[in-house]
PDB file of N, CA and C in Angstrom:
ATOM      1  N   MET A   1     -45.868-177.824-131.099  1.00  0.00           N
ATOM      2  CA  MET A   1     -44.835-176.907-131.501  1.00  0.00           C
ATOM      3  C   MET A   1     -44.193-177.432-132.792  1.00  0.00           C
ATOM      4  N   SER A   2     -43.865-176.499-133.651  1.00  0.00           N
ATOM      5  CA  SER A   2     -43.252-176.897-134.906  1.00  0.00           C
ATOM      6  C   SER A   2     -42.269-175.819-135.348  1.00  0.00           C
ATOM      7  N   ALA A   3     -41.602-176.097-136.437  1.00  0.00           N
ATOM      8  CA  ALA A   3     -40.665-175.125-136.991  1.00  0.00           C
ATOM      9  C   ALA A   3     -41.392-173.934-137.590  1.00  0.00           C
ATOM     10  N   ASN A   4     -42.698-173.969-137.629  1.00  0.00           N
ATOM     11  CA  ASN A   4     -43.479-172.885-138.193  1.00  0.00           C
ATOM     12  C   ASN A   4     -43.892-171.872-137.120  1.00  0.00           C
ATOM     13  N   GLU A   5     -43.341-171.976-135.923  1.00  0.00           N
ATOM     14  CA  GLU A   5     -43.639-171.024-134.852  1.00  0.00           C
ATOM     15  C   GLU A   5     -43.184-169.629-135.263  1.00  0.00           C
ATOM     16  N   ALA A   6     -43.867-168.624-134.756  1.00  0.00           N
ATOM     17  CA  ALA A   6     -43.578-167.228-135.106  1.00  0.00           C
ATOM     18  C   ALA A   6     -42.137-166.850-134.770  1.00  0.00           C
ATOM     19  N   ALA A   7     -41.645-167.317-133.637  1.00  0.00           N
ATOM     20  CA  ALA A   7     -40.277-166.970-133.231  1.00  0.00           C
ATOM     21  C   ALA A   7     -39.257-167.500-134.235  1.00  0.00           C
ATOM     22  N   LEU A   8     -39.454-168.699-134.713  1.00  0.00           N
ATOM     23  CA  LEU A   8     -38.516-169.289-135.675  1.00  0.00           C
ATOM     24  C   LEU A   8     -38.624-168.597-137.031  1.00  0.00           C
ATOM     25  N   ARG A   9     -39.836-168.183-137.387  1.00  0.00           N
ATOM     26  CA  ARG A   9     -39.996-167.423-138.636  1.00  0.00           C
ATOM     27  C   ARG A   9     -39.291-166.076-138.548  1.00  0.00           C
ATOM     28  N   LYS A  10     -39.347-165.440-137.365  1.00  0.00           N
ATOM     29  CA  LYS A  10     -38.671-164.150-137.171  1.00  0.00           C
ATOM     30  C   LYS A  10     -37.157-164.297-137.299  1.00  0.00           C
ATOM     31  N   ILE A  11     -36.618-165.393-136.755  1.00  0.00           N
ATOM     32  CA  ILE A  11     -35.173-165.630-136.892  1.00  0.00           C
ATOM     33  C   ILE A  11     -34.804-165.777-138.361  1.00  0.00           C
ATOM     34  N   ALA A  12     -35.591-166.554-139.076  1.00  0.00           N
ATOM     35  CA  ALA A  12     -35.324-166.738-140.504  1.00  0.00           C
ATOM     36  C   ALA A  12     -35.425-165.409-141.237  1.00  0.00           C
ATOM     37  N   GLN A  13     -36.390-164.589-140.876  1.00  0.00           N
ATOM     38  CA  GLN A  13     -36.555-163.279-141.494  1.00  0.00           C
ATOM     39  C   GLN A  13     -35.328-162.401-141.249  1.00  0.00           C
ATOM     40  N   ALA A  14     -34.853-162.371-140.007  1.00  0.00           N
ATOM     41  CA  ALA A  14     -33.687-161.542-139.674  1.00  0.00           C
ATOM     42  C   ALA A  14     -32.445-162.020-140.425  1.00  0.00           C
ATOM     43  N   TYR A  15     -32.206-163.322-140.456  1.00  0.00           N
ATOM     44  CA  TYR A  15     -31.043-163.853-141.174  1.00  0.00           C
ATOM     45  C   TYR A  15     -31.135-163.562-142.675  1.00  0.00           C
ATOM     46  N   THR A  16     -32.338-163.689-143.212  1.00  0.00           N
ATOM     47  CA  THR A  16     -32.510-163.419-144.638  1.00  0.00           C
ATOM     48  C   THR A  16     -32.230-161.959-144.957  1.00  0.00           C
ATOM     49  N   MET A  17     -32.688-161.060-144.110  1.00  0.00           N
ATOM     50  CA  MET A  17     -32.434-159.635-144.340  1.00  0.00           C
ATOM     51  C   MET A  17     -30.942-159.331-144.370  1.00  0.00           C
ATOM     52  N   VAL A  18     -30.216-159.904-143.462  1.00  0.00           N
ATOM     53  CA  VAL A  18     -28.791-159.597-143.345  1.00  0.00           C
ATOM     54  C   VAL A  18     -27.981-160.328-144.411  1.00  0.00           C
ATOM     55  N   ALA A  19     -28.347-161.553-144.719  1.00  0.00           N
ATOM     56  CA  ALA A  19     -27.498-162.374-145.582  1.00  0.00           C
ATOM     57  C   ALA A  19     -27.867-162.318-147.058  1.00  0.00           C
ATOM     58  N   ASP A  20     -29.157-162.185-147.389  1.00  0.00           N
ATOM     59  CA  ASP A  20     -29.575-162.403-148.769  1.00  0.00           C
ATOM     60  C   ASP A  20     -30.129-161.181-149.495  1.00  0.00           C
ATOM     61  N   LEU A  21     -30.119-160.025-148.902  1.00  0.00           N
ATOM     62  CA  LEU A  21     -30.733-158.878-149.567  1.00  0.00           C
ATOM     63  C   LEU A  21     -29.730-158.024-150.355  1.00  0.00           C
ATOM     64  N   GLY A  22     -28.542-158.500-150.527  1.00  0.00           N
ATOM     65  CA  GLY A  22     -27.547-157.764-151.304  1.00  0.00           C
ATOM     66  C   GLY A  22     -27.148-156.456-150.645  1.00  0.00           C
ATOM     67  N   VAL A  23     -26.837-156.500-149.376  1.00  0.00           N
ATOM     68  CA  VAL A  23     -26.522-155.282-148.632  1.00  0.00           C
ATOM     69  C   VAL A  23     -25.261-154.581-149.131  1.00  0.00           C
ATOM     70  N   GLU A  24     -24.405-155.308-149.839  1.00  0.00           N
ATOM     71  CA  GLU A  24     -23.160-154.692-150.322  1.00  0.00           C
ATOM     72  C   GLU A  24     -23.417-153.648-151.408  1.00  0.00           C
ATOM     73  N   THR A  25     -24.536-153.713-152.067  1.00  0.00           N
ATOM     74  CA  THR A  25     -24.854-152.737-153.125  1.00  0.00           C
ATOM     75  C   THR A  25     -25.796-151.637-152.645  1.00  0.00           C
ATOM     76  N   MET A  26     -26.181-151.632-151.385  1.00  0.00           N
ATOM     77  CA  MET A  26     -27.126-150.652-150.855  1.00  0.00           C
ATOM     78  C   MET A  26     -26.400-149.424-150.316  1.00  0.00           C
ATOM     79  N   SER A  27     -27.172-148.387-150.178  1.00  0.00           N
ATOM     80  CA  SER A  27     -26.632-147.184-149.545  1.00  0.00           C
ATOM     81  C   SER A  27     -26.528-147.438-148.045  1.00  0.00           C
ATOM     82  N   SER A  28     -25.761-146.607-147.374  1.00  0.00           N
ATOM     83  CA  SER A  28     -25.555-146.809-145.937  1.00  0.00           C
ATOM     84  C   SER A  28     -26.857-146.603-145.153  1.00  0.00           C
ATOM     85  N   SER A  29     -27.707-145.677-145.573  1.00  0.00           N
ATOM     86  CA  SER A  29     -28.974-145.478-144.856  1.00  0.00           C
ATOM     87  C   SER A  29     -29.901-146.686-145.053  1.00  0.00           C
ATOM     88  N   ALA A  30     -29.936-147.249-146.248  1.00  0.00           N
ATOM     89  CA  ALA A  30     -30.751-148.451-146.483  1.00  0.00           C
ATOM     90  C   ALA A  30     -30.190-149.630-145.687  1.00  0.00           C
ATOM     91  N   TYR A  31     -28.863-149.731-145.646  1.00  0.00           N
ATOM     92  CA  TYR A  31     -28.209-150.801-144.890  1.00  0.00           C
ATOM     93  C   TYR A  31     -28.549-150.681-143.405  1.00  0.00           C
ATOM     94  N   ARG A  32     -28.492-149.442-142.855  1.00  0.00           N
ATOM     95  CA  ARG A  32     -28.837-149.216-141.451  1.00  0.00           C
ATOM     96  C   ARG A  32     -30.297-149.594-141.191  1.00  0.00           C
ATOM     97  N   GLN A  33     -31.160-149.239-142.116  1.00  0.00           N
ATOM     98  CA  GLN A  33     -32.582-149.557-141.951  1.00  0.00           C
ATOM     99  C   GLN A  33     -32.800-151.077-141.923  1.00  0.00           C
ATOM    100  N   ILE A  34     -32.100-151.770-142.810  1.00  0.00           N
ATOM    101  CA  ILE A  34     -32.208-153.239-142.820  1.00  0.00           C
ATOM    102  C   ILE A  34     -31.673-153.815-141.518  1.00  0.00           C
ATOM    103  N   LEU A  35     -30.542-153.306-141.028  1.00  0.00           N
ATOM    104  CA  LEU A  35     -29.985-153.802-139.769  1.00  0.00           C
ATOM    105  C   LEU A  35     -30.928-153.516-138.603  1.00  0.00           C
ATOM    106  N   GLU A  36     -31.552-152.353-138.584  1.00  0.00           N
ATOM    107  CA  GLU A  36     -32.499-152.028-137.514  1.00  0.00           C
ATOM    108  C   GLU A  36     -33.711-152.960-137.566  1.00  0.00           C
ATOM    109  N   THR A  37     -34.228-153.166-138.760  1.00  0.00           N
ATOM    110  CA  THR A  37     -35.394-154.052-138.919  1.00  0.00           C
ATOM    111  C   THR A  37     -35.022-155.485-138.532  1.00  0.00           C
ATOM    112  N   ALA A  38     -33.850-155.918-138.943  1.00  0.00           N
ATOM    113  CA  ALA A  38     -33.384-157.266-138.592  1.00  0.00           C
ATOM    114  C   ALA A  38     -33.162-157.374-137.094  1.00  0.00           C
ATOM    115  N   SER A  39     -32.647-156.314-136.488  1.00  0.00           N
ATOM    116  CA  SER A  39     -32.423-156.312-135.047  1.00  0.00           C
ATOM    117  C   SER A  39     -33.746-156.413-134.286  1.00  0.00           C
ATOM    118  N   VAL A  40     -34.759-155.684-134.729  1.00  0.00           N
ATOM    119  CA  VAL A  40     -36.083-155.759-134.100  1.00  0.00           C
ATOM    120  C   VAL A  40     -36.662-157.165-134.277  1.00  0.00           C
ATOM    121  N   ALA A  41     -36.527-157.705-135.477  1.00  0.00           N
ATOM    122  CA  ALA A  41     -37.034-159.064-135.736  1.00  0.00           C
ATOM    123  C   ALA A  41     -36.320-160.081-134.848  1.00  0.00           C
ATOM    124  N   MET A  42     -35.006-159.927-134.693  1.00  0.00           N
ATOM    125  CA  MET A  42     -34.237-160.856-133.862  1.00  0.00           C
ATOM    126  C   MET A  42     -34.623-160.697-132.390  1.00  0.00           C
ATOM    127  N   SER A  43     -34.863-159.475-131.953  1.00  0.00           N
ATOM    128  CA  SER A  43     -35.294-159.242-130.576  1.00  0.00           C
ATOM    129  C   SER A  43     -36.650-159.908-130.318  1.00  0.00           C
ATOM    130  N   ASP A  44     -37.574-159.744-131.255  1.00  0.00           N
ATOM    131  CA  ASP A  44     -38.876-160.407-131.140  1.00  0.00           C
ATOM    132  C   ASP A  44     -38.707-161.929-131.128  1.00  0.00           C
ATOM    133  N   ALA A  45     -37.810-162.411-131.958  1.00  0.00           N
ATOM    134  CA  ALA A  45     -37.573-163.859-132.042  1.00  0.00           C
ATOM    135  C   ALA A  45     -37.027-164.394-130.725  1.00  0.00           C
ATOM    136  N   ILE A  46     -36.119-163.644-130.110  1.00  0.00           N
ATOM    137  CA  ILE A  46     -35.527-164.100-128.847  1.00  0.00           C
ATOM    138  C   ILE A  46     -36.588-164.166-127.752  1.00  0.00           C
ATOM    139  N   SER A  47     -37.441-163.150-127.670  1.00  0.00           N
ATOM    140  CA  SER A  47     -38.496-163.208-126.650  1.00  0.00           C
ATOM    141  C   SER A  47     -39.487-164.330-126.971  1.00  0.00           C
ATOM    142  N   GLY A  48     -39.753-164.552-128.249  1.00  0.00           N
ATOM    143  CA  GLY A  48     -40.620-165.666-128.635  1.00  0.00           C
ATOM    144  C   GLY A  48     -40.006-167.012-128.293  1.00  0.00           C
ATOM    145  N   LEU A  49     -38.691-167.126-128.478  1.00  0.00           N
ATOM    146  CA  LEU A  49     -38.003-168.375-128.123  1.00  0.00           C
ATOM    147  C   LEU A  49     -38.060-168.619-126.613  1.00  0.00           C
ATOM    148  N   THR A  50     -37.976-167.554-125.841  1.00  0.00           N
ATOM    149  CA  THR A  50     -38.088-167.701-124.391  1.00  0.00           C
ATOM    150  C   THR A  50     -39.458-168.249-124.019  1.00  0.00           C
ATOM    151  N   THR A  51     -40.493-167.740-124.670  1.00  0.00           N
ATOM    152  CA  THR A  51     -41.846-168.243-124.435  1.00  0.00           C
ATOM    153  C   THR A  51     -41.956-169.712-124.848  1.00  0.00           C
ATOM    154  N   LEU A  52     -41.367-170.043-125.988  1.00  0.00           N
ATOM    155  CA  LEU A  52     -41.397-171.439-126.447  1.00  0.00           C
ATOM    156  C   LEU A  52     -40.673-172.354-125.467  1.00  0.00           C
ATOM    157  N   ARG A  53     -39.536-171.886-124.964  1.00  0.00           N
ATOM    158  CA  ARG A  53     -38.789-172.695-123.990  1.00  0.00           C
ATOM    159  C   ARG A  53     -39.632-172.949-122.753  1.00  0.00           C
ATOM    160  N   ALA A  54     -40.369-171.924-122.306  1.00  0.00           N
ATOM    161  CA  ALA A  54     -41.235-172.093-121.138  1.00  0.00           C
ATOM    162  C   ALA A  54     -42.325-173.121-121.424  1.00  0.00           C
ATOM    163  N   LYS A  55     -42.932-173.047-122.607  1.00  0.00           N
ATOM    164  CA  LYS A  55     -43.980-174.014-122.971  1.00  0.00           C
ATOM    165  C   LYS A  55     -43.419-175.431-123.037  1.00  0.00           C
ATOM    166  N   VAL A  56     -42.238-175.555-123.615  1.00  0.00           N
ATOM    167  CA  VAL A  56     -41.606-176.876-123.703  1.00  0.00           C
ATOM    168  C   VAL A  56     -41.296-177.405-122.301  1.00  0.00           C
ATOM    169  N   GLY A  57     -40.854-176.516-121.413  1.00  0.00           N
ATOM    170  CA  GLY A  57     -40.588-176.930-120.031  1.00  0.00           C
ATOM    171  C   GLY A  57     -41.826-177.455-119.341  1.00  0.00           C
ATOM    172  N   VAL A  58     -42.945-176.767-119.538  1.00  0.00           N
ATOM    173  CA  VAL A  58     -44.213-177.218-118.946  1.00  0.00           C
ATOM    174  C   VAL A  58     -44.602-178.581-119.523  1.00  0.00           C
ATOM    175  N   MET A  59     -44.433-178.739-120.832  1.00  0.00           N
ATOM    176  CA  MET A  59     -44.760-180.019-121.466  1.00  0.00           C
ATOM    177  C   MET A  59     -43.845-181.135-120.953  1.00  0.00           C
ATOM    178  N   GLN A  60     -42.559-180.826-120.795  1.00  0.00           N
ATOM    179  CA  GLN A  60     -41.631-181.837-120.287  1.00  0.00           C
ATOM    180  C   GLN A  60     -42.001-182.252-118.872  1.00  0.00           C
ATOM    181  N   LYS A  61     -42.413-181.292-118.056  1.00  0.00           N
ATOM    182  CA  LYS A  61     -42.832-181.603-116.690  1.00  0.00           C
ATOM    183  C   LYS A  61     -44.064-182.506-116.710  1.00  0.00           C
ATOM    184  N   GLY A  62     -45.001-182.205-117.608  1.00  0.00           N
ATOM    185  CA  GLY A  62     -46.186-183.051-117.723  1.00  0.00           C
ATOM    186  C   GLY A  62     -45.837-184.473-118.137  1.00  0.00           C
ATOM    187  N   VAL A  63     -44.920-184.599-119.087  1.00  0.00           N
ATOM    188  CA  VAL A  63     -44.491-185.926-119.537  1.00  0.00           C
ATOM    189  C   VAL A  63     -43.760-186.653-118.403  1.00  0.00           C
ATOM    190  N   SER A  64     -42.928-185.919-117.683  1.00  0.00           N
ATOM    191  CA  SER A  64     -42.200-186.514-116.567  1.00  0.00           C
ATOM    192  C   SER A  64     -43.160-187.004-115.484  1.00  0.00           C
ATOM    193  N   ASP A  65     -44.157-186.184-115.149  1.00  0.00           N
ATOM    194  CA  ASP A  65     -45.154-186.593-114.150  1.00  0.00           C
ATOM    195  C   ASP A  65     -45.937-187.815-114.613  1.00  0.00           C
ATOM    196  N   ALA A  66     -46.298-187.831-115.899  1.00  0.00           N
ATOM    197  CA  ALA A  66     -47.032-188.983-116.438  1.00  0.00           C
ATOM    198  C   ALA A  66     -46.170-190.242-116.387  1.00  0.00           C
ATOM    199  N   ASN A  67     -44.881-190.102-116.698  1.00  0.00           N
ATOM    200  CA  ASN A  67     -43.981-191.256-116.636  1.00  0.00           C
ATOM    201  C   ASN A  67     -43.856-191.782-115.211  1.00  0.00           C
ATOM    202  N   GLU A  68     -43.762-190.864-114.240  1.00  0.00           N
ATOM    203  CA  GLU A  68     -43.668-191.296-112.843  1.00  0.00           C
ATOM    204  C   GLU A  68     -44.941-192.017-112.411  1.00  0.00           C
ATOM    205  N   SER A  69     -46.082-191.487-112.825  1.00  0.00           N
ATOM    206  CA  SER A  69     -47.352-192.114-112.473  1.00  0.00           C
ATOM    207  C   SER A  69     -47.465-193.505-113.089  1.00  0.00           C
ATOM    208  N   LEU A  70     -47.099-193.614-114.362  1.00  0.00           N
ATOM    209  CA  LEU A  70     -47.150-194.928-115.029  1.00  0.00           C
ATOM    210  C   LEU A  70     -46.170-195.905-114.396  1.00  0.00           C
ATOM    211  N   SER A  71     -45.014-195.405-113.994  1.00  0.00           N
ATOM    212  CA  SER A  71     -44.031-196.264-113.347  1.00  0.00           C
ATOM    213  C   SER A  71     -44.560-196.786-112.016  1.00  0.00           C
ATOM    214  N   ALA A  72     -45.203-195.909-111.247  1.00  0.00           N
ATOM    215  CA  ALA A  72     -45.778-196.334-109.971  1.00  0.00           C
ATOM    216  C   ALA A  72     -46.886-197.365-110.194  1.00  0.00           C
ATOM    217  N   GLN A  73     -47.720-197.145-111.196  1.00  0.00           N
ATOM    218  CA  GLN A  73     -48.784-198.107-111.502  1.00  0.00           C
ATOM    219  C   GLN A  73     -48.198-199.433-111.955  1.00  0.00           C
ATOM    220  N   ARG A  74     -47.148-199.372-112.784  1.00  0.00           N
ATOM    221  CA  ARG A  74     -46.506-200.602-113.243  1.00  0.00           C
ATOM    222  C   ARG A  74     -45.936-201.389-112.070  1.00  0.00           C
ATOM    223  N   ASP A  75     -45.290-200.686-111.120  1.00  0.00           N
ATOM    224  CA  ASP A  75     -44.713-201.356-109.960  1.00  0.00           C
ATOM    225  C   ASP A  75     -45.799-201.992-109.092  1.00  0.00           C
ATOM    226  N   MET A  76     -46.920-201.268-108.934  1.00  0.00           N
ATOM    227  CA  MET A  76     -48.018-201.803-108.127  1.00  0.00           C
ATOM    228  C   MET A  76     -48.604-203.056-108.780  1.00  0.00           C
ATOM    229  N   ILE A  77     -48.802-203.001-110.080  1.00  0.00           N
ATOM    230  CA  ILE A  77     -49.349-204.164-110.791  1.00  0.00           C
ATOM    231  C   ILE A  77     -48.369-205.333-110.735  1.00  0.00           C
ATOM    232  N   ALA A  78     -47.077-205.044-110.887  1.00  0.00           N
ATOM    233  CA  ALA A  78     -46.072-206.113-110.811  1.00  0.00           C
ATOM    234  C   ALA A  78     -46.091-206.761-109.429  1.00  0.00           C
ATOM    235  N   THR A  79     -46.266-205.956-108.388  1.00  0.00           N
ATOM    236  CA  THR A  79     -46.330-206.495-107.027  1.00  0.00           C
ATOM    237  C   THR A  79     -47.559-207.376-106.855  1.00  0.00           C
ATOM    238  N   GLN A  80     -48.704-206.912-107.387  1.00  0.00           N
ATOM    239  CA  GLN A  80     -49.929-207.706-107.273  1.00  0.00           C
ATOM    240  C   GLN A  80     -49.821-209.007-108.061  1.00  0.00           C
ATOM    241  N   ILE A  81     -49.236-208.942-109.238  1.00  0.00           N
ATOM    242  CA  ILE A  81     -49.057-210.159-110.033  1.00  0.00           C
ATOM    243  C   ILE A  81     -48.121-211.113-109.308  1.00  0.00           C
ATOM    244  N   GLY A  82     -47.060-210.558-108.729  1.00  0.00           N
ATOM    245  CA  GLY A  82     -46.124-211.394-107.977  1.00  0.00           C
ATOM    246  C   GLY A  82     -46.792-212.094-106.811  1.00  0.00           C
ATOM    247  N   SER A  83     -47.675-211.365-106.101  1.00  0.00           N
ATOM    248  CA  SER A  83     -48.351-212.002-104.968  1.00  0.00           C
ATOM    249  C   SER A  83     -49.320-213.084-105.440  1.00  0.00           C
ATOM    250  N   LEU A  84     -49.898-212.910-106.643  1.00  0.00           N
ATOM    251  CA  LEU A  84     -50.786-213.940-107.175  1.00  0.00           C
ATOM    252  C   LEU A  84     -50.010-215.152-107.685  1.00  0.00           C
ATOM    253  N   GLU A  85     -48.853-214.905-108.258  1.00  0.00           N
ATOM    254  CA  GLU A  85     -48.076-216.009-108.822  1.00  0.00           C
ATOM    255  C   GLU A  85     -47.330-216.808-107.760  1.00  0.00           C
ATOM    256  N   ASN A  86     -47.089-216.203-106.608  1.00  0.00           N
ATOM    257  CA  ASN A  86     -46.306-216.866-105.561  1.00  0.00           C
ATOM    258  C   ASN A  86     -47.197-217.610-104.565  1.00  0.00           C
ATOM    259  N   VAL A  87     -48.300-218.152-105.033  1.00  0.00           N
ATOM    260  CA  VAL A  87     -49.208-218.906-104.172  1.00  0.00           C
ATOM    261  C   VAL A  87     -48.700-220.344-104.075  1.00  0.00           C
ATOM    262  N   ASP A  88     -48.682-220.840-102.837  1.00  0.00           N
ATOM    263  CA  ASP A  88     -48.275-222.227-102.613  1.00  0.00           C
ATOM    264  C   ASP A  88     -49.438-223.135-103.025  1.00  0.00           C
ATOM    265  N   PRO A  89     -49.226-224.001-104.025  1.00  0.00           N
ATOM    266  CA  PRO A  89     -50.347-224.831-104.502  1.00  0.00           C
ATOM    267  C   PRO A  89     -50.873-225.793-103.440  1.00  0.00           C
ATOM    268  N   PHE A  90     -50.018-226.289-102.545  1.00  0.00           N
ATOM    269  CA  PHE A  90     -50.469-227.221-101.499  1.00  0.00           C
ATOM    270  C   PHE A  90     -51.337-226.495-100.477  1.00  0.00           C
ATOM    271  N   GLU A  91     -50.951-225.264-100.140  1.00  0.00           N
ATOM    272  CA  GLU A  91     -51.755-224.478 -99.206  1.00  0.00           C
ATOM    273  C   GLU A  91     -53.107-224.131 -99.839  1.00  0.00           C
ATOM    274  N   ALA A  92     -53.093-223.768-101.118  1.00  0.00           N
ATOM    275  CA  ALA A  92     -54.346-223.445-101.812  1.00  0.00           C
ATOM    276  C   ALA A  92     -55.246-224.674-101.865  1.00  0.00           C
ATOM    277  N   SER A  93     -54.674-225.828-102.143  1.00  0.00           N
ATOM    278  CA  SER A  93     -55.449-227.066-102.198  1.00  0.00           C
ATOM    279  C   SER A  93     -56.058-227.378-100.835  1.00  0.00           C
ATOM    280  N   THR A  94     -55.288-227.214 -99.786  1.00  0.00           N
ATOM    281  CA  THR A  94     -55.780-227.471 -98.426  1.00  0.00           C
ATOM    282  C   THR A  94     -56.935-226.529 -98.096  1.00  0.00           C
ATOM    283  N   ARG A  95     -56.791-225.267 -98.463  1.00  0.00           N
ATOM    284  CA  ARG A  95     -57.865-224.302 -98.196  1.00  0.00           C
ATOM    285  C   ARG A  95     -59.134-224.667 -98.962  1.00  0.00           C
ATOM    286  N   VAL A  96     -58.990-225.055-100.217  1.00  0.00           N
ATOM    287  CA  VAL A  96     -60.160-225.432-101.017  1.00  0.00           C
ATOM    288  C   VAL A  96     -60.836-226.661-100.411  1.00  0.00           C
ATOM    289  N   ASN A  97     -60.043-227.631 -99.989  1.00  0.00           N
ATOM    290  CA  ASN A  97     -60.609-228.842 -99.376  1.00  0.00           C
ATOM    291  C   ASN A  97     -61.350-228.500 -98.082  1.00  0.00           C
ATOM    292  N   ASN A  98     -60.757-227.625 -97.268  1.00  0.00           N
ATOM    293  CA  ASN A  98     -61.415-227.222 -96.011  1.00  0.00           C
ATOM    294  C   ASN A  98     -62.727-226.501 -96.294  1.00  0.00           C
ATOM    295  N   LEU A  99     -62.716-225.608 -97.280  1.00  0.00           N
ATOM    296  CA  LEU A  99     -63.939-224.890 -97.634  1.00  0.00           C
ATOM    297  C   LEU A  99     -65.000-225.836 -98.180  1.00  0.00           C
ATOM    298  N   THR A 100     -64.566-226.816 -98.962  1.00  0.00           N
ATOM    299  CA  THR A 100     -65.512-227.805 -99.503  1.00  0.00           C
ATOM    300  C   THR A 100     -66.148-228.606 -98.369  1.00  0.00           C
ATOM    301  N   THR A 101     -65.343-228.994 -97.402  1.00  0.00           N
ATOM    302  CA  THR A 101     -65.855-229.745 -96.248  1.00  0.00           C
ATOM    303  C   THR A 101     -66.848-228.892 -95.460  1.00  0.00           C
ATOM    304  N   GLN A 102     -66.505-227.630 -95.252  1.00  0.00           N
ATOM    305  CA  GLN A 102     -67.419-226.737 -94.531  1.00  0.00           C
ATOM    306  C   GLN A 102     -68.728-226.548 -95.300  1.00  0.00           C
ATOM    307  N   LEU A 103     -68.646-226.441 -96.605  1.00  0.00           N
ATOM    308  CA  LEU A 103     -69.847-226.276 -97.426  1.00  0.00           C
ATOM    309  C   LEU A 103     -70.725-227.517 -97.360  1.00  0.00           C
ATOM    310  N   GLU A 104     -70.102-228.704 -97.442  1.00  0.00           N
ATOM    311  CA  GLU A 104     -70.879-229.952 -97.353  1.00  0.00           C
ATOM    312  C   GLU A 104     -71.538-230.080 -95.983  1.00  0.00           C
ATOM    313  N   THR A 105     -70.824-229.695 -94.931  1.00  0.00           N
ATOM    314  CA  THR A 105     -71.396-229.736 -93.584  1.00  0.00           C
ATOM    315  C   THR A 105     -72.581-228.793 -93.489  1.00  0.00           C
ATOM    316  N   SER A 106     -72.426-227.632 -94.085  1.00  0.00           N
ATOM    317  CA  SER A 106     -73.510-226.651 -94.094  1.00  0.00           C
ATOM    318  C   SER A 106     -74.732-227.190 -94.812  1.00  0.00           C
ATOM    319  N   TYR A 107     -74.526-227.859 -95.962  1.00  0.00           N
ATOM    320  CA  TYR A 107     -75.655-228.460 -96.684  1.00  0.00           C
ATOM    321  C   TYR A 107     -76.347-229.524 -95.841  1.00  0.00           C
ATOM    322  N   THR A 108     -75.557-230.339 -95.171  1.00  0.00           N
ATOM    323  CA  THR A 108     -76.128-231.405 -94.338  1.00  0.00           C
ATOM    324  C   THR A 108     -76.965-230.816 -93.216  1.00  0.00           C
ATOM    325  N   LEU A 109     -76.416-229.804 -92.545  1.00  0.00           N
ATOM    326  CA  LEU A 109     -77.164-229.181 -91.446  1.00  0.00           C
ATOM    327  C   LEU A 109     -78.430-228.490 -91.950  1.00  0.00           C
ATOM    328  N   THR A 110     -78.321-227.859 -93.117  1.00  0.00           N
ATOM    329  CA  THR A 110     -79.496-227.197 -93.692  1.00  0.00           C
ATOM    330  C   THR A 110     -80.588-228.216 -93.997  1.00  0.00           C
ATOM    331  N   GLY A 111     -80.197-229.369 -94.515  1.00  0.00           N
ATOM    332  CA  GLY A 111     -81.163-230.431 -94.805  1.00  0.00           C
ATOM    333  C   GLY A 111     -81.839-230.948 -93.546  1.00  0.00           C
ATOM    334  N   LYS A 112     -81.065-231.114 -92.473  1.00  0.00           N
ATOM    335  CA  LYS A 112     -81.642-231.593 -91.216  1.00  0.00           C
ATOM    336  C   LYS A 112     -82.569-230.551 -90.610  1.00  0.00           C
ATOM    337  N   ILE A 113     -82.198-229.284 -90.730  1.00  0.00           N
ATOM    338  CA  ILE A 113     -83.050-228.222 -90.190  1.00  0.00           C
ATOM    339  C   ILE A 113     -84.371-228.170 -90.956  1.00  0.00           C
ATOM    340  N   GLN A 114     -84.334-228.421 -92.250  1.00  0.00           N
ATOM    341  CA  GLN A 114     -85.544-228.385 -93.055  1.00  0.00           C
ATOM    342  C   GLN A 114     -86.504-229.535 -92.658  1.00  0.00           C
ATOM    343  N   GLN A 115     -85.941-230.643 -92.190  1.00  0.00           N
ATOM    344  CA  GLN A 115     -86.774-231.784 -91.808  1.00  0.00           C
ATOM    345  C   GLN A 115     -87.420-231.621 -90.435  1.00  0.00           C
ATOM    346  N   LEU A 116     -86.935-230.667 -89.684  1.00  0.00           N
ATOM    347  CA  LEU A 116     -87.498-230.459 -88.347  1.00  0.00           C
ATOM    348  C   LEU A 116     -88.907-229.863 -88.472  1.00  0.00           C
ATOM    349  N   THR A 117     -89.796-230.468 -87.756  1.00  0.00           N
ATOM    350  CA  THR A 117     -91.152-229.914 -87.678  1.00  0.00           C
ATOM    351  C   THR A 117     -91.590-229.996 -86.236  1.00  0.00           C
ATOM    352  N   LEU A 118     -92.502-229.180 -85.904  1.00  0.00           N
ATOM    353  CA  LEU A 118     -93.007-229.115 -84.534  1.00  0.00           C
ATOM    354  C   LEU A 118     -93.818-230.380 -84.204  1.00  0.00           C
ATOM    355  N   SER A 119     -94.427-230.967 -85.222  1.00  0.00           N
ATOM    356  CA  SER A 119     -95.254-232.139 -84.972  1.00  0.00           C
ATOM    357  C   SER A 119     -94.415-233.362 -84.604  1.00  0.00           C
ATOM    358  N   LYS A 120     -93.157-233.445 -84.959  1.00  0.00           N
ATOM    359  CA  LYS A 120     -92.303-234.581 -84.581  1.00  0.00           C
ATOM    360  C   LYS A 120     -91.997-234.566 -83.100  1.00  0.00           C
ATOM    361  N   TYR A 121     -92.059-233.427 -82.473  1.00  0.00           N
ATOM    362  CA  TYR A 121     -91.696-233.326 -81.061  1.00  0.00           C
ATOM    363  C   TYR A 121     -92.928-233.270 -80.145  1.00  0.00           C
ATOM    364  N   ILE A 122     -94.082-233.275 -80.695  1.00  0.00           N
ATOM    365  CA  ILE A 122     -95.298-233.223 -79.856  1.00  0.00           C
ATOM    366  C   ILE A 122     -95.871-234.581 -79.667  1.00  0.00           C
TER     367      ILE A 122
END
């Protein structure tokens, strides 16, 4: 939307007809004709402005919905970052050590299983 919209041009046209056409030197019939034409232009402008207001309202609603969506996403990301940053380093270290021990045990058992053969037991 810009100032070049048809409704805004019609308003400018109506104001120009009434203010700048030298109506004081015109005959009464010419003056009436200018007022009628300006009145029609102003009526068209008002209905055009109503349409513009409706379009702006729809756009504002879209922007508002987008802002709400972005706000919800921002809050969700902030919550996830907070949960990542609030990790207890001692608990994390203990978990890593336990997992390392389990992995080493698994390797040891896998190695022993690989050494098993049927001929050792016969």
